[in-house]
Amino acid sequence: MRQDNGVDGDAQRIGQLARMLFLKILDAKDKGGEAMYDWYKSVIPTELQWRNWAADDEGITGEELITFINTKLFPILKDLPTSEKKPMSYIVKGVFEDSFNYMKS
């Protein structure tokens, strides 16, 4: 990440890293909610949950990963439907609404 051609300085690096950590932490929170409550459902669509694309060591990498982030992850989370019944949806959408992926490798 430090030497990625698309990342231009610490400000972009920190933003990219913060969004990755946010998704990982939110996934851990969601796992806890799912274990404790039958009714709990994450605001993140299943295919975009950290555990389903990033947690697998044999998961997607390279161009496939960049395409996934640019065409699915960021666009869907930017336009995430919000609901007063699910206040976390406002937070997720807020984190991603002005986000762009600068990573190239």
Protein backbone atom coordinates (compact mmCIF):
# COMPACT_ATOMS: atom_id res chain seq x y z
CA MET A 1 0.00 0.00 0.00
CA ARG A 2 2.85 2.40 0.78
CA GLN A 3 4.34 2.04 -2.67
CA ASP A 4 1.17 1.65 -4.72
CA ASN A 5 1.31 3.70 -7.93
CA GLY A 6 -2.24 5.03 -7.47
CA VAL A 7 -1.83 6.30 -3.92
CA ASP A 8 -0.43 9.80 -3.73
CA GLY A 9 0.60 10.56 -0.16
CA ASP A 10 -0.37 9.77 3.39
CA ALA A 11 -3.82 11.37 3.22
CA GLN A 12 -4.96 8.89 0.57
CA ARG A 13 -3.25 5.97 2.33
CA ILE A 14 -4.94 6.76 5.63
CA GLY A 15 -8.36 7.08 3.99
CA GLN A 16 -7.98 3.77 2.15
CA LEU A 17 -6.77 2.02 5.30
CA ALA A 18 -9.55 3.52 7.44
CA ARG A 19 -12.25 2.25 5.08
CA MET A 20 -10.74 -1.25 5.08
CA LEU A 21 -10.59 -1.30 8.88
CA PHE A 22 -14.14 0.04 9.09
CA LEU A 23 -15.43 -2.86 6.97
CA LYS A 24 -13.47 -5.42 8.97
CA ILE A 25 -14.68 -4.05 12.32
CA LEU A 26 -18.26 -3.78 11.10
CA ASP A 27 -18.14 -7.40 9.95
CA ALA A 28 -16.97 -8.49 13.41
CA LYS A 29 -19.82 -6.50 14.96
CA ASP A 30 -22.27 -8.10 12.54
CA LYS A 31 -21.01 -11.60 13.40
CA GLY A 32 -21.63 -10.84 17.08
CA GLY A 33 -25.12 -9.54 16.36
CA GLU A 34 -25.95 -12.59 14.26
CA ALA A 35 -24.73 -14.92 17.01
CA MET A 36 -26.77 -13.18 19.69
CA TYR A 37 -30.01 -12.38 17.89
CA ASP A 38 -32.00 -14.41 15.37
CA TRP A 39 -33.47 -11.22 13.91
CA TYR A 40 -30.13 -9.42 13.36
CA LYS A 41 -29.24 -8.62 9.74
CA SER A 42 -26.27 -6.59 8.59
CA VAL A 43 -26.88 -3.45 6.55
CA ILE A 44 -24.03 -4.59 4.28
CA PRO A 45 -25.22 -6.86 1.45
CA THR A 46 -23.98 -10.43 1.93
CA GLU A 47 -21.63 -10.45 -1.07
CA LEU A 48 -19.95 -7.27 0.21
CA GLN A 49 -19.39 -8.41 3.79
CA TRP A 50 -15.70 -8.59 4.70
CA ARG A 51 -15.92 -12.31 5.51
CA ASN A 52 -17.12 -13.08 1.99
CA TRP A 53 -14.43 -11.35 -0.05
CA ALA A 54 -11.47 -10.27 2.08
CA ALA A 55 -11.09 -12.73 4.94
CA ASP A 56 -10.25 -15.73 2.73
CA ASP A 57 -6.48 -16.13 2.14
CA GLU A 58 -7.34 -17.78 -1.18
CA GLY A 59 -9.79 -15.01 -2.07
CA ILE A 60 -9.75 -12.55 -4.91
CA THR A 61 -6.57 -10.60 -5.67
CA GLY A 62 -5.01 -8.43 -8.36
CA GLU A 63 -7.18 -7.09 -11.18
CA GLU A 64 -10.19 -9.11 -10.01
CA LEU A 65 -10.02 -7.44 -6.59
CA ILE A 66 -9.61 -3.95 -8.04
CA THR A 67 -12.55 -4.53 -10.39
CA PHE A 68 -14.68 -5.81 -7.47
CA ILE A 69 -13.87 -2.74 -5.38
CA ASN A 70 -14.40 -0.25 -8.22
CA THR A 71 -17.53 -1.78 -9.75
CA LYS A 72 -19.32 -3.39 -6.80
CA LEU A 73 -18.04 -2.54 -3.32
CA PHE A 74 -17.70 1.24 -3.49
CA PRO A 75 -20.66 1.95 -5.82
CA ILE A 76 -23.11 -0.20 -3.86
CA LEU A 77 -22.02 1.13 -0.46
CA LYS A 78 -22.15 4.72 -1.76
CA ASP A 79 -25.78 4.18 -2.76
CA LEU A 80 -26.75 1.97 0.19
CA PRO A 81 -30.44 2.37 1.01
CA THR A 82 -30.87 4.08 4.35
CA SER A 83 -33.54 3.48 6.94
CA GLU A 84 -34.38 4.93 10.33
CA LYS A 85 -34.92 1.33 11.46
CA LYS A 86 -31.27 0.65 10.60
CA PRO A 87 -29.25 3.70 11.65
CA MET A 88 -25.98 1.93 10.75
CA SER A 89 -27.01 2.28 7.10
CA TYR A 90 -26.52 6.07 7.40
CA ILE A 91 -23.05 5.57 8.84
CA VAL A 92 -21.94 3.10 6.16
CA LYS A 93 -23.27 5.29 3.37
CA GLY A 94 -21.58 8.33 4.94
CA VAL A 95 -18.21 6.58 5.09
CA PHE A 96 -18.34 5.62 1.42
CA GLU A 97 -20.32 8.39 -0.29
CA ASP A 98 -17.24 10.47 -1.17
CA SER A 99 -14.81 7.55 -1.41
CA PHE A 100 -12.70 6.59 -4.38
CA ASN A 101 -10.31 3.71 -4.76
CA TYR A 102 -6.86 5.05 -5.57
CA MET A 103 -5.07 1.70 -5.31
CA LYS A 104 -3.81 0.27 -8.58
CA SER A 105 -2.13 -2.91 -7.40
